[in-house]
Each structure stands twice: as C-alpha cells, then as structure tokens.
Protein backbone atom coordinates (compact mmCIF):
# COMPACT_ATOMS: atom_id res chain seq x y z
CA MET A 1 -1.69 0.74 -26.54
CA ASP A 2 -2.84 -0.61 -23.20
CA GLU A 3 0.48 0.28 -21.58
CA TYR A 4 0.20 3.78 -23.04
CA ASP A 5 -3.24 4.14 -21.46
CA LYS A 6 -2.03 2.84 -18.09
CA ILE A 7 0.89 5.25 -18.01
CA GLY A 8 -1.35 8.03 -19.29
CA LYS A 9 -3.80 7.44 -16.46
CA VAL A 10 -0.99 7.63 -13.91
CA PHE A 11 0.19 10.88 -15.48
CA ILE A 12 -3.33 12.35 -15.46
CA GLN A 13 -3.80 11.29 -11.85
CA GLN A 14 -0.56 13.01 -10.85
CA GLU A 15 -1.58 16.13 -12.77
CA ALA A 16 -4.91 16.19 -10.90
CA GLU A 17 -3.22 15.63 -7.54
CA ALA A 18 -0.80 18.48 -8.26
CA THR A 19 -3.62 20.99 -7.79
CA GLN A 20 -4.28 19.79 -4.24
CA VAL A 21 -2.23 20.12 -1.08
CA TYR A 22 0.47 17.44 -1.00
CA THR A 23 1.07 15.76 2.37
CA GLY A 24 3.45 12.98 1.33
CA ALA A 25 7.16 12.56 1.97
CA ASP A 26 8.46 13.06 -1.59
CA SER A 27 10.12 16.36 -2.43
CA VAL A 28 8.92 18.67 -5.16
CA GLY A 29 11.98 17.83 -7.25
CA LYS A 30 11.35 14.10 -7.04
CA ARG A 31 7.71 14.50 -8.00
CA ALA A 32 8.69 16.73 -10.93
CA LEU A 33 11.26 14.18 -12.09
CA ILE A 34 8.71 11.38 -11.94
CA ARG A 35 6.28 13.41 -14.03
CA VAL A 36 8.98 14.25 -16.57
CA ILE A 37 9.96 10.57 -16.85
CA ILE A 38 6.36 9.51 -17.31
CA ARG A 39 5.85 12.22 -19.95
CA SER A 40 8.99 11.07 -21.79
CA ARG A 41 7.77 7.47 -21.77
CA LEU A 42 4.41 8.56 -23.10
CA ASP A 43 6.03 10.54 -25.91
CA ALA A 44 8.32 7.63 -26.84
CA MET A 45 5.44 5.16 -26.83
CA PHE A 46 3.35 7.52 -28.94
CA ALA A 47 6.14 7.90 -31.51
CA GLU A 48 6.65 4.13 -31.64
CA LEU A 49 2.94 3.55 -32.11
CA ARG A 50 2.80 6.13 -34.88
CA GLU A 51 5.79 4.58 -36.61
CA THR A 52 4.26 1.12 -36.39
CA MET A 53 0.95 2.26 -37.82
CA VAL A 54 2.45 4.36 -40.61
CA TYR A 55 5.33 2.20 -41.81
CA LYS A 56 4.57 -1.33 -40.67
CA ALA A 57 0.82 -1.57 -41.23
CA PRO A 58 -0.46 -3.52 -44.26
CA ALA A 59 -1.22 -1.38 -47.30
CA GLU A 60 -4.85 -2.46 -47.42
CA LEU A 61 -5.47 -0.65 -44.12
CA GLY A 62 -4.69 2.63 -45.89
CA ASP A 63 -4.37 5.68 -43.69
CA LEU A 64 -4.60 3.75 -40.45
CA TRP A 65 -2.74 6.34 -38.40
CA SER A 66 -4.96 9.22 -39.54
CA ARG A 67 -8.14 7.30 -38.73
CA TYR A 68 -6.68 6.11 -35.42
CA GLU A 69 -5.61 9.61 -34.43
CA LYS A 70 -9.01 11.07 -35.32
CA MET A 71 -10.85 8.39 -33.32
CA TRP A 72 -8.41 8.75 -30.42
CA LYS A 73 -9.02 12.51 -30.23
CA GLN A 74 -12.77 11.93 -30.34
CA ILE A 75 -12.59 9.43 -27.48
CA VAL A 76 -10.39 11.78 -25.45
CA ILE A 77 -12.91 14.59 -25.90
CA GLU A 78 -15.79 12.30 -24.90
CA GLN A 79 -13.90 11.09 -21.84
CA ASP A 80 -13.01 14.66 -20.83
CA GLU A 81 -16.68 15.60 -20.96
CA ALA A 82 -17.64 12.51 -18.97
CA HIS A 83 -14.91 13.27 -16.44
CA LYS A 84 -16.13 16.85 -16.08
CA ARG A 85 -19.69 15.65 -15.51
CA GLU A 86 -18.49 13.10 -12.94
CA THR A 87 -16.34 15.70 -11.18
CA ALA A 88 -19.25 18.16 -11.07
CA LYS A 89 -21.50 15.43 -9.65
CA LEU A 90 -18.91 14.59 -6.96
CA GLN A 91 -18.53 18.26 -6.08
CA ILE A 92 -22.30 18.68 -5.78
CA ASP A 93 -22.53 15.59 -3.56
CA ALA A 94 -19.66 16.84 -1.38
CA ALA A 95 -21.31 20.25 -1.02
CA ARG A 96 -24.58 18.56 -0.10
CA ARG A 97 -22.82 16.46 2.56
CA ARG A 98 -21.04 19.53 3.97
CA LYS A 99 -24.34 21.42 4.16
CA ALA A 100 -26.07 18.49 5.90
CA ALA A 101 -23.19 18.21 8.39
CA ARG A 102 -23.35 21.96 9.06
CA ILE A 103 -27.12 21.79 9.64
CA ARG A 104 -26.69 18.82 12.00
CA GLN A 105 -24.03 20.77 13.89
CA GLU A 106 -26.35 23.76 14.18
CA TYR A 107 -29.15 21.55 15.54
CA VAL A 108 -26.80 19.97 18.06
CA THR A 109 -25.61 23.42 19.15
CA TRP A 110 -29.16 24.70 19.58
CA PHE A 111 -30.19 21.56 21.44
CA GLY A 112 -27.20 21.91 23.76
CA ALA A 113 -27.92 25.60 24.38
CA ILE A 114 -31.60 24.97 25.15
CA LEU A 115 -30.71 22.02 27.38
CA PHE A 116 -28.19 24.18 29.24
CA VAL A 117 -30.76 26.93 29.81
CA VAL A 118 -33.40 24.46 31.01
CA VAL A 119 -30.97 22.73 33.39
CA TRP A 120 -29.75 26.11 34.66
CA PHE A 121 -33.35 27.25 35.22
CA LEU A 122 -34.24 24.04 37.06
CA ALA A 123 -31.10 24.38 39.18
CA VAL A 124 -32.01 27.96 40.10
CA LEU A 125 -35.55 26.86 41.03
CA HIS A 126 -34.15 24.02 43.12
CA LEU A 127 -31.70 26.32 44.89
CA LEU A 128 -34.48 28.81 45.58
CA ARG A 129 -36.66 26.06 46.98
CA GLU A 130 -33.90 24.78 49.23
CA SER A 131 -32.70 28.19 50.34
CA LEU A 132 -33.17 29.42 53.88
CA THR A 133 -34.92 32.57 52.68
CA TYR A 134 -37.63 30.54 50.96
CA ARG A 135 -38.17 28.41 54.03
CA LEU A 136 -38.44 31.44 56.24
CA LEU A 137 -40.86 33.19 53.87
CA SER A 138 -42.97 30.07 53.45
CA SER A 139 -43.47 29.81 57.23
CA TYR A 140 -45.17 33.23 57.20
CA VAL A 141 -47.50 32.27 54.38
CA TYR A 142 -48.94 29.14 56.00
C-alpha cells in the first residue's frame, strides 16, 4: 500500500505539472510514456491489492475490501479538499506578494522621478547662477 501511495503521489505530481509550462529536456512523447507506465503500475498494484483483500484475507475480517475501498475514497475526498484549501492559500499568498512587489516598484519609480526632477531643478539653478548673464545682471543690481 505504501508503494502504491508513493507511485500515486508521483503520478499526481506529474499531472499537476502538466498544466504548467514545461522547461525540461524530455520530449512530450517521453513524458506521456512515463505517465502511461506509472498509470499501468498503479492499476496493476490496485488489482493485486484487491485480489489479496478479497481472496486471501481471513474470513473473520468479512468484507475487508468493501470497507477498505469506502475508507480509501473518504480519505481521498478529504485530502482533495485539504489540497484545494492549501492551493488556494498558496495562490492568495502569491497574489499578496505580487501586489506588494508591484507597490514597492511603484514607490521606487515615484522616488526616482521626484529625485530626477529635484536634481534637474537644482542643476538648472546652479547653471543659472554660474551663467554669464546672471553675473552681468547682478552687477547692475548692486
């Protein structure tokens, strides 16, 4: 059962990664073949587990497979709900981080623009002060 879960997790991970842009070196055909092989192993392990529980389980356990299957489905549903909640939480956190980064970028842009205007203004004042026209005009005033 543990091996089934390990392989199942790998399969679920590959299914989730299939919805995102793939940047690896493996071809589409190779990835499809890997997923088919994993799915085949899962099916074979599931059939073997069912056979073991139905035919090789002690009689006093009764309908072991039916109870197991019911509990397994319940756990899968619970885990799906937990996974959806976790995914939603991660998406909310990512959106919050993107918004904070965007706000920081806006502040940096505004700061840079204001700094540029102030430096430009000071440079213009300095150039006016050092210009020949200002010196000539200031000699008439004093």
